[in-house]
Amino acid sequence: MELLLIVLALLSWFWLDSVQTKELAIGICQTKCRLAGIQFLDETVAIKKLRIRWGADGLCWSRTYGFEISTDNVNRAAGSITMLGKTLEDLNLNCDSQPNARII
């Protein structure tokens, strides 16, 4: 019974941590896209890669999210954001006006 409670607590922690990190990533994408004059389409990000990596505070989750952007309100381009824990590690905007632009 105790093992079940521990597993449920760990799953709950992971879910809450994932939701908080995703919301943080969405906020960063909204701000950076607005500053770059790029439209952040669908106002959301989707998880692409999840792994454990070493960070400044030791082991932490590295999450890479994908999203779509547009510079001309017609065409879509893919972008990605990588969060190491709750810290922005990489923001990549792939669009025609800024090919392979990295904005951090």
Protein backbone atom coordinates (compact mmCIF):
# COMPACT_ATOMS: atom_id res chain seq x y z
CA MET A 1 0.00 0.00 0.00
CA GLU A 2 2.84 2.37 0.86
CA LEU A 3 4.50 1.65 -2.48
CA LEU A 4 1.30 2.61 -4.30
CA LEU A 5 1.15 5.91 -2.41
CA ILE A 6 4.79 6.65 -3.23
CA VAL A 7 4.23 5.90 -6.93
CA LEU A 8 1.11 8.11 -6.97
CA ALA A 9 2.99 10.92 -5.22
CA LEU A 10 5.86 10.72 -7.73
CA LEU A 11 3.47 10.68 -10.69
CA SER A 12 1.58 13.65 -9.24
CA TRP A 13 4.83 15.56 -8.73
CA PHE A 14 5.98 14.79 -12.28
CA TRP A 15 2.63 15.84 -13.76
CA LEU A 16 2.58 19.13 -11.80
CA ASP A 17 6.21 19.87 -12.70
CA SER A 18 5.46 19.15 -16.38
CA VAL A 19 2.43 21.45 -16.41
CA GLN A 20 4.39 24.28 -14.75
CA THR A 21 7.29 23.91 -17.18
CA LYS A 22 4.95 23.84 -20.18
CA GLU A 23 3.19 27.02 -19.02
CA LEU A 24 6.57 28.70 -18.53
CA ALA A 25 7.65 27.62 -22.04
CA ILE A 26 4.42 29.01 -23.53
CA GLY A 27 4.99 32.35 -21.80
CA ILE A 28 8.58 32.54 -23.05
CA CYS A 29 7.50 31.70 -26.62
CA GLN A 30 4.75 34.33 -26.55
CA THR A 31 7.15 37.02 -25.36
CA LYS A 32 10.03 36.14 -27.70
CA CYS A 33 7.75 35.82 -30.74
CA ARG A 34 6.08 39.15 -29.97
CA LEU A 35 9.50 40.84 -29.65
CA ALA A 36 10.66 39.27 -32.94
CA GLY A 37 7.45 40.27 -34.75
CA ILE A 38 6.48 36.65 -35.34
CA GLN A 39 3.01 35.19 -34.80
CA PHE A 40 2.97 32.35 -32.24
CA LEU A 41 0.35 30.06 -33.76
CA ASP A 42 -2.14 28.08 -31.65
CA GLU A 43 -0.64 29.66 -28.49
CA THR A 44 0.66 26.28 -27.29
CA VAL A 45 3.64 23.96 -27.31
CA ALA A 46 3.81 20.14 -27.63
CA ILE A 47 6.39 17.90 -26.02
CA LYS A 48 8.89 16.46 -28.53
CA LYS A 49 11.65 15.07 -26.32
CA LEU A 50 11.94 14.26 -22.63
CA ARG A 51 15.13 13.12 -20.94
CA ILE A 52 17.17 13.48 -17.78
CA ARG A 53 20.32 15.62 -18.00
CA TRP A 54 22.85 17.27 -15.75
CA GLY A 55 22.15 20.92 -15.03
CA ALA A 56 23.59 23.52 -12.68
CA ASP A 57 21.59 22.00 -9.81
CA GLY A 58 22.37 18.36 -10.62
CA LEU A 59 20.10 15.95 -12.47
CA CYS A 60 16.95 17.50 -13.88
CA TRP A 61 14.41 17.02 -16.65
CA SER A 62 15.22 18.35 -20.09
CA ARG A 63 12.06 18.97 -22.09
CA THR A 64 12.02 20.00 -25.75
CA TYR A 65 8.72 21.39 -27.01
CA GLY A 66 7.68 22.08 -30.57
CA PHE A 67 5.39 24.87 -31.74
CA GLU A 68 4.39 26.64 -34.93
CA ILE A 69 5.02 30.23 -35.99
CA SER A 70 4.22 32.47 -38.93
CA THR A 71 5.82 35.61 -40.26
CA ASP A 72 3.27 36.31 -42.99
CA ASN A 73 -0.02 34.99 -41.48
CA VAL A 74 -0.18 32.40 -44.30
CA ASN A 75 2.69 29.93 -44.02
CA ARG A 76 3.56 27.89 -40.95
CA ALA A 77 7.06 27.13 -39.75
CA ALA A 78 8.26 24.95 -36.90
CA GLY A 79 10.03 26.24 -33.83
CA SER A 80 11.34 24.57 -30.69
CA ILE A 81 12.12 25.47 -27.12
CA THR A 82 14.23 23.44 -24.71
CA MET A 83 13.80 23.83 -20.98
CA LEU A 84 16.37 22.39 -18.56
CA GLY A 85 14.41 22.20 -15.34
CA LYS A 86 12.64 25.56 -15.22
CA THR A 87 15.45 27.34 -17.12
CA LEU A 88 15.38 28.26 -20.80
CA GLU A 89 18.20 26.42 -22.52
CA ASP A 90 17.40 27.02 -26.21
CA LEU A 91 14.77 28.76 -28.32
CA ASN A 92 14.90 28.02 -32.04
CA LEU A 93 12.72 29.93 -34.52
CA ASN A 94 12.86 28.42 -38.01
CA CYS A 95 11.22 30.85 -40.38
CA ASP A 96 11.97 32.32 -43.81
CA SER A 97 12.99 35.74 -42.53
CA GLN A 98 15.26 34.26 -39.87
CA PRO A 99 16.50 30.83 -41.01
CA ASN A 100 17.60 28.74 -38.05
CA ALA A 101 17.38 31.77 -35.77
CA ARG A 102 18.30 31.05 -32.19
CA ILE A 103 16.96 33.54 -29.69
CA ILE A 104 17.74 33.18 -26.01
